[in-house]
């Protein structure tokens, strides 16, 4: 069973989450004492990602390590002519093997304005 904390959602909503999602939720749950907004006000998404980085790397995720272009995780989402990426997103973490993408939101995202 997956814990009730953190709150999370899996897309597409028409498909049950794969088992690996439980591993990701466990990584986040283990970091709760350091990242729970009920006891830590004003944490940025980068600060939260820093607390999760080791656990994510241990589970095979590529993780953004800084705002430098070379340290970002870029994923194509739409493709154009000859299969070349037409639209890409910079994401916080990605697991190629698991097909799981992680985006940490603070501010407007945390208030559900960006979901």
N, C-alpha and C. Protein backbone atom coordinates (compact mmCIF):
# COMPACT_ATOMS: atom_id res chain seq x y z
N UNK A 1 0.84 -1.18 0.00
CA UNK A 1 0.00 0.00 0.00
C UNK A 1 0.88 1.25 0.00
N UNK A 2 0.48 2.26 -0.74
CA UNK A 2 1.21 3.51 -0.81
C UNK A 2 0.66 4.45 0.26
N UNK A 3 1.55 5.15 0.94
CA UNK A 3 1.17 6.05 2.03
C UNK A 3 0.32 7.21 1.52
N UNK A 4 -0.40 7.86 2.46
CA UNK A 4 -1.22 9.02 2.14
C UNK A 4 -0.38 10.29 2.01
N UNK A 5 0.83 10.26 2.48
CA UNK A 5 1.74 11.41 2.36
C UNK A 5 2.97 10.97 1.63
N UNK A 6 3.35 11.65 0.63
CA UNK A 6 2.86 12.93 0.13
C UNK A 6 1.63 12.75 -0.74
N UNK A 7 0.90 13.85 -0.93
CA UNK A 7 -0.19 13.81 -1.90
C UNK A 7 0.44 13.75 -3.28
N UNK A 8 -0.10 12.93 -4.15
CA UNK A 8 0.46 12.79 -5.49
C UNK A 8 -0.63 12.36 -6.45
N UNK A 9 -0.32 12.50 -7.72
CA UNK A 9 -1.25 12.08 -8.76
C UNK A 9 -0.43 11.48 -9.91
N UNK A 10 -0.98 10.47 -10.51
CA UNK A 10 -0.32 9.79 -11.62
C UNK A 10 -1.09 10.05 -12.90
N UNK A 11 -0.37 10.36 -13.97
CA UNK A 11 -0.98 10.56 -15.28
C UNK A 11 -0.48 9.51 -16.24
N UNK A 12 -1.27 8.99 -17.14
CA UNK A 12 -2.65 9.39 -17.38
C UNK A 12 -3.58 8.80 -16.33
N UNK A 13 -4.63 9.53 -16.03
CA UNK A 13 -5.58 9.11 -15.00
C UNK A 13 -6.32 7.84 -15.38
N UNK A 14 -6.26 7.45 -16.63
CA UNK A 14 -6.97 6.25 -17.09
C UNK A 14 -6.16 4.98 -16.89
N UNK A 15 -4.96 5.11 -16.34
CA UNK A 15 -4.06 3.96 -16.14
C UNK A 15 -3.63 3.90 -14.69
N UNK A 16 -3.62 2.69 -14.13
CA UNK A 16 -3.14 2.53 -12.76
C UNK A 16 -1.64 2.81 -12.70
N UNK A 17 -1.16 3.41 -11.62
CA UNK A 17 0.28 3.68 -11.51
C UNK A 17 1.07 2.37 -11.50
N UNK A 18 2.24 2.36 -12.16
CA UNK A 18 3.08 1.16 -12.09
C UNK A 18 3.66 1.01 -10.69
N UNK A 19 4.09 -0.19 -10.38
CA UNK A 19 4.61 -0.48 -9.05
C UNK A 19 5.77 0.40 -8.63
N UNK A 20 6.55 0.87 -9.60
CA UNK A 20 7.71 1.69 -9.27
C UNK A 20 7.33 3.02 -8.64
N UNK A 21 6.10 3.46 -8.84
CA UNK A 21 5.67 4.71 -8.25
C UNK A 21 5.76 4.61 -6.72
N UNK A 22 5.49 3.44 -6.19
CA UNK A 22 5.59 3.26 -4.74
C UNK A 22 7.01 3.54 -4.24
N UNK A 23 8.02 3.17 -5.03
CA UNK A 23 9.41 3.47 -4.65
C UNK A 23 9.64 4.97 -4.57
N UNK A 24 9.12 5.69 -5.54
CA UNK A 24 9.26 7.14 -5.56
C UNK A 24 8.56 7.77 -4.36
N UNK A 25 7.35 7.31 -4.07
CA UNK A 25 6.60 7.85 -2.94
C UNK A 25 7.34 7.55 -1.64
N UNK A 26 7.99 6.41 -1.55
CA UNK A 26 8.78 6.08 -0.36
C UNK A 26 9.96 7.03 -0.20
N UNK A 27 10.64 7.37 -1.29
CA UNK A 27 11.76 8.32 -1.24
C UNK A 27 11.27 9.65 -0.68
N UNK A 28 10.13 10.11 -1.18
CA UNK A 28 9.59 11.38 -0.70
C UNK A 28 9.14 11.26 0.75
N UNK A 29 8.47 10.18 1.08
CA UNK A 29 8.02 9.97 2.46
C UNK A 29 9.18 9.92 3.45
N UNK A 30 10.28 9.29 3.05
CA UNK A 30 11.45 9.22 3.93
C UNK A 30 12.05 10.60 4.20
N UNK A 31 11.86 11.53 3.25
CA UNK A 31 12.40 12.89 3.42
C UNK A 31 11.43 13.81 4.14
N UNK A 32 10.29 13.31 4.51
CA UNK A 32 9.26 14.17 5.12
C UNK A 32 9.77 15.04 6.26
N UNK A 33 10.58 14.52 7.18
CA UNK A 33 11.04 15.38 8.28
C UNK A 33 11.79 16.63 7.80
N UNK A 34 12.36 16.57 6.61
CA UNK A 34 13.13 17.70 6.08
C UNK A 34 12.37 18.58 5.09
N UNK A 35 11.23 18.09 4.59
CA UNK A 35 10.56 18.83 3.51
C UNK A 35 9.09 19.12 3.74
N UNK A 36 8.49 18.56 4.76
CA UNK A 36 7.05 18.75 4.99
C UNK A 36 6.75 20.23 5.22
N UNK A 37 5.90 20.79 4.38
CA UNK A 37 5.60 22.22 4.49
C UNK A 37 4.81 22.56 5.75
N UNK A 38 4.28 21.56 6.44
CA UNK A 38 3.61 21.82 7.71
C UNK A 38 4.60 22.28 8.78
N UNK A 39 5.86 21.87 8.63
CA UNK A 39 6.87 22.27 9.62
C UNK A 39 8.03 23.06 9.02
N UNK A 40 8.09 23.18 7.70
CA UNK A 40 9.16 23.93 7.02
C UNK A 40 8.52 24.91 6.05
N UNK A 41 8.47 26.15 6.42
CA UNK A 41 7.85 27.18 5.57
C UNK A 41 8.87 27.75 4.60
N UNK A 42 8.43 28.02 3.39
CA UNK A 42 9.24 28.74 2.43
C UNK A 42 10.29 27.94 1.68
N UNK A 43 10.23 26.62 1.74
CA UNK A 43 11.19 25.82 0.97
C UNK A 43 10.92 25.99 -0.52
N UNK A 44 11.97 26.16 -1.28
CA UNK A 44 11.82 26.21 -2.74
C UNK A 44 11.80 24.79 -3.29
N UNK A 45 11.35 24.65 -4.52
CA UNK A 45 11.36 23.33 -5.14
C UNK A 45 12.80 22.81 -5.28
N UNK A 46 13.76 23.71 -5.50
CA UNK A 46 15.17 23.28 -5.59
C UNK A 46 15.68 22.75 -4.25
N UNK A 47 15.25 23.37 -3.15
CA UNK A 47 15.67 22.88 -1.83
C UNK A 47 15.08 21.51 -1.55
N UNK A 48 13.84 21.31 -1.94
CA UNK A 48 13.21 19.99 -1.75
C UNK A 48 13.90 18.96 -2.62
N UNK A 49 14.17 19.29 -3.87
CA UNK A 49 14.86 18.36 -4.77
C UNK A 49 16.22 17.96 -4.20
N UNK A 50 16.91 18.89 -3.60
CA UNK A 50 18.22 18.58 -3.00
C UNK A 50 18.08 17.52 -1.90
N UNK A 51 16.99 17.57 -1.14
CA UNK A 51 16.76 16.59 -0.08
C UNK A 51 16.38 15.21 -0.64
N UNK A 52 15.84 15.19 -1.84
CA UNK A 52 15.41 13.94 -2.46
C UNK A 52 16.47 13.33 -3.37
N UNK A 53 17.45 14.12 -3.76
CA UNK A 53 18.41 13.72 -4.80
C UNK A 53 19.02 12.34 -4.58
N UNK A 54 19.57 12.08 -3.42
CA UNK A 54 20.25 10.80 -3.17
C UNK A 54 19.30 9.61 -3.33
N UNK A 55 18.12 9.71 -2.75
CA UNK A 55 17.15 8.63 -2.87
C UNK A 55 16.71 8.40 -4.30
N UNK A 56 16.53 9.50 -5.04
CA UNK A 56 16.15 9.36 -6.45
C UNK A 56 17.26 8.72 -7.26
N UNK A 57 18.49 9.17 -7.06
CA UNK A 57 19.62 8.57 -7.77
C UNK A 57 19.74 7.09 -7.44
N UNK A 58 19.51 6.73 -6.18
CA UNK A 58 19.57 5.32 -5.77
C UNK A 58 18.53 4.46 -6.50
N UNK A 59 17.44 5.09 -6.94
CA UNK A 59 16.39 4.37 -7.66
C UNK A 59 16.47 4.56 -9.17
N UNK A 60 17.62 5.03 -9.65
CA UNK A 60 17.87 5.08 -11.08
C UNK A 60 17.36 6.31 -11.81
N UNK A 61 17.00 7.35 -11.08
CA UNK A 61 16.53 8.57 -11.72
C UNK A 61 17.69 9.44 -12.17
N UNK A 62 17.51 10.14 -13.27
CA UNK A 62 18.37 11.27 -13.64
C UNK A 62 17.77 12.46 -12.91
N UNK A 63 18.61 13.25 -12.23
CA UNK A 63 18.11 14.34 -11.39
C UNK A 63 18.83 15.63 -11.74
N UNK A 64 18.05 16.70 -11.91
CA UNK A 64 18.65 18.01 -12.14
C UNK A 64 19.56 18.35 -10.97
N UNK A 65 20.78 18.79 -11.29
CA UNK A 65 21.72 19.08 -10.20
C UNK A 65 22.03 20.56 -10.05
N UNK A 66 21.66 21.37 -11.05
CA UNK A 66 21.80 22.82 -10.94
C UNK A 66 21.00 23.46 -12.07
N UNK A 67 21.00 24.78 -12.10
CA UNK A 67 20.28 25.49 -13.15
C UNK A 67 21.12 25.68 -14.41
N UNK A 68 22.38 25.21 -14.39
CA UNK A 68 23.20 25.25 -15.59
C UNK A 68 22.60 24.31 -16.63
N UNK A 69 22.63 24.71 -17.88
CA UNK A 69 22.01 23.92 -18.94
C UNK A 69 22.52 22.47 -18.95
N UNK A 70 23.82 22.29 -18.73
CA UNK A 70 24.40 20.94 -18.76
C UNK A 70 23.91 20.06 -17.62
N UNK A 71 23.38 20.66 -16.54
CA UNK A 71 22.95 19.90 -15.37
C UNK A 71 21.44 19.66 -15.32
N UNK A 72 20.73 20.15 -16.33
CA UNK A 72 19.28 19.99 -16.37
C UNK A 72 18.90 18.66 -17.00
N UNK A 73 17.71 18.20 -16.69
CA UNK A 73 17.15 16.99 -17.29
C UNK A 73 16.10 17.47 -18.30
N UNK A 74 16.37 17.25 -19.57
CA UNK A 74 15.49 17.72 -20.65
C UNK A 74 14.83 16.51 -21.31
N UNK A 75 13.51 16.57 -21.41
CA UNK A 75 12.75 15.47 -22.02
C UNK A 75 11.93 15.99 -23.19
N UNK A 76 12.01 15.35 -24.34
CA UNK A 76 11.14 15.75 -25.45
C UNK A 76 9.70 15.29 -25.16
N UNK A 77 8.75 16.13 -25.53
CA UNK A 77 7.35 15.76 -25.32
C UNK A 77 6.54 15.76 -26.62
N UNK A 78 6.98 16.52 -27.61
CA UNK A 78 6.35 16.51 -28.93
C UNK A 78 7.45 16.43 -29.98
N UNK A 79 7.15 15.71 -31.05
CA UNK A 79 8.14 15.51 -32.09
C UNK A 79 7.64 16.08 -33.40
N UNK A 80 8.57 16.53 -34.21
CA UNK A 80 8.23 17.13 -35.49
C UNK A 80 8.76 16.32 -36.65
N UNK A 81 9.08 17.02 -37.71
CA UNK A 81 9.54 16.40 -38.94
C UNK A 81 10.79 15.57 -38.68
N UNK A 82 10.83 14.41 -39.28
CA UNK A 82 11.94 13.46 -39.17
C UNK A 82 12.17 12.97 -37.74
N UNK A 83 11.15 13.09 -36.90
CA UNK A 83 11.25 12.60 -35.53
C UNK A 83 12.06 13.47 -34.59
N UNK A 84 12.38 14.68 -35.03
CA UNK A 84 13.19 15.55 -34.17
C UNK A 84 12.31 16.18 -33.09
N UNK A 85 12.87 16.35 -31.89
CA UNK A 85 12.09 16.98 -30.81
C UNK A 85 11.64 18.38 -31.23
N UNK A 86 10.35 18.65 -31.08
CA UNK A 86 9.78 19.95 -31.41
C UNK A 86 9.51 20.76 -30.14
N UNK A 87 9.12 20.06 -29.06
CA UNK A 87 8.88 20.69 -27.77
C UNK A 87 9.57 19.84 -26.72
N UNK A 88 10.34 20.49 -25.85
CA UNK A 88 10.99 19.78 -24.75
C UNK A 88 10.64 20.47 -23.44
N UNK A 89 10.67 19.71 -22.36
CA UNK A 89 10.46 20.25 -21.02
C UNK A 89 11.70 19.99 -20.19
N UNK A 90 12.02 20.93 -19.34
CA UNK A 90 13.05 20.71 -18.32
C UNK A 90 12.33 20.20 -17.09
N UNK A 91 12.71 19.01 -16.63
CA UNK A 91 12.02 18.36 -15.52
C UNK A 91 12.99 18.18 -14.36
N UNK A 92 12.43 17.92 -13.18
CA UNK A 92 13.28 17.76 -12.01
C UNK A 92 13.97 16.40 -11.97
N UNK A 93 13.26 15.36 -12.35
CA UNK A 93 13.86 14.02 -12.34
C UNK A 93 13.10 13.13 -13.31
N UNK A 94 13.80 12.15 -13.85
CA UNK A 94 13.23 11.25 -14.86
C UNK A 94 13.87 9.89 -14.72
N UNK A 95 13.04 8.85 -14.78
CA UNK A 95 13.53 7.49 -14.81
C UNK A 95 13.16 6.87 -16.14
N UNK A 96 14.14 6.69 -16.99
CA UNK A 96 13.92 6.07 -18.30
C UNK A 96 13.37 4.66 -18.15
N UNK A 97 13.98 3.87 -17.25
CA UNK A 97 13.56 2.49 -17.05
C UNK A 97 12.13 2.37 -16.55
N UNK A 98 11.75 3.27 -15.64
CA UNK A 98 10.43 3.18 -15.03
C UNK A 98 9.37 3.99 -15.78
N UNK A 99 9.83 4.90 -16.65
CA UNK A 99 8.88 5.76 -17.35
C UNK A 99 8.20 6.72 -16.40
N UNK A 100 8.92 7.15 -15.37
CA UNK A 100 8.35 8.05 -14.37
C UNK A 100 9.08 9.37 -14.40
N UNK A 101 8.31 10.44 -14.45
CA UNK A 101 8.83 11.80 -14.44
C UNK A 101 8.39 12.47 -13.16
N UNK A 102 9.30 13.23 -12.55
CA UNK A 102 9.00 13.92 -11.30
C UNK A 102 9.16 15.41 -11.49
N UNK A 103 8.15 16.15 -11.10
CA UNK A 103 8.21 17.61 -11.11
C UNK A 103 7.78 18.08 -9.72
N UNK A 104 8.64 18.82 -9.07
CA UNK A 104 8.36 19.33 -7.73
C UNK A 104 7.91 20.77 -7.87
N UNK A 105 6.79 21.09 -7.26
CA UNK A 105 6.24 22.43 -7.37
C UNK A 105 6.16 23.09 -6.00
N UNK A 106 6.48 24.36 -5.98
CA UNK A 106 6.27 25.21 -4.82
C UNK A 106 5.41 26.37 -5.27
N UNK A 107 4.91 27.14 -4.36
CA UNK A 107 4.11 28.31 -4.73
C UNK A 107 2.85 27.95 -5.45
N UNK A 108 2.69 28.43 -6.68
CA UNK A 108 1.43 28.23 -7.40
C UNK A 108 1.13 26.77 -7.67
N UNK A 109 2.16 25.97 -7.88
CA UNK A 109 1.93 24.55 -8.11
C UNK A 109 1.41 23.86 -6.86
N UNK A 110 1.94 24.25 -5.72
CA UNK A 110 1.51 23.67 -4.46
C UNK A 110 0.06 24.06 -4.14
N UNK A 111 -0.41 25.16 -4.69
CA UNK A 111 -1.78 25.59 -4.47
C UNK A 111 -2.72 25.02 -5.53
N UNK A 112 -2.23 24.07 -6.33
CA UNK A 112 -2.99 23.39 -7.38
C UNK A 112 -3.35 24.28 -8.56
N UNK A 113 -2.70 25.39 -8.70
CA UNK A 113 -2.98 26.25 -9.84
C UNK A 113 -2.23 25.79 -11.09
N UNK A 114 -1.28 24.87 -10.95
CA UNK A 114 -0.49 24.45 -12.09
C UNK A 114 -0.73 23.00 -12.45
N UNK A 115 -1.61 22.31 -11.75
CA UNK A 115 -1.83 20.89 -12.03
C UNK A 115 -2.80 20.76 -13.18
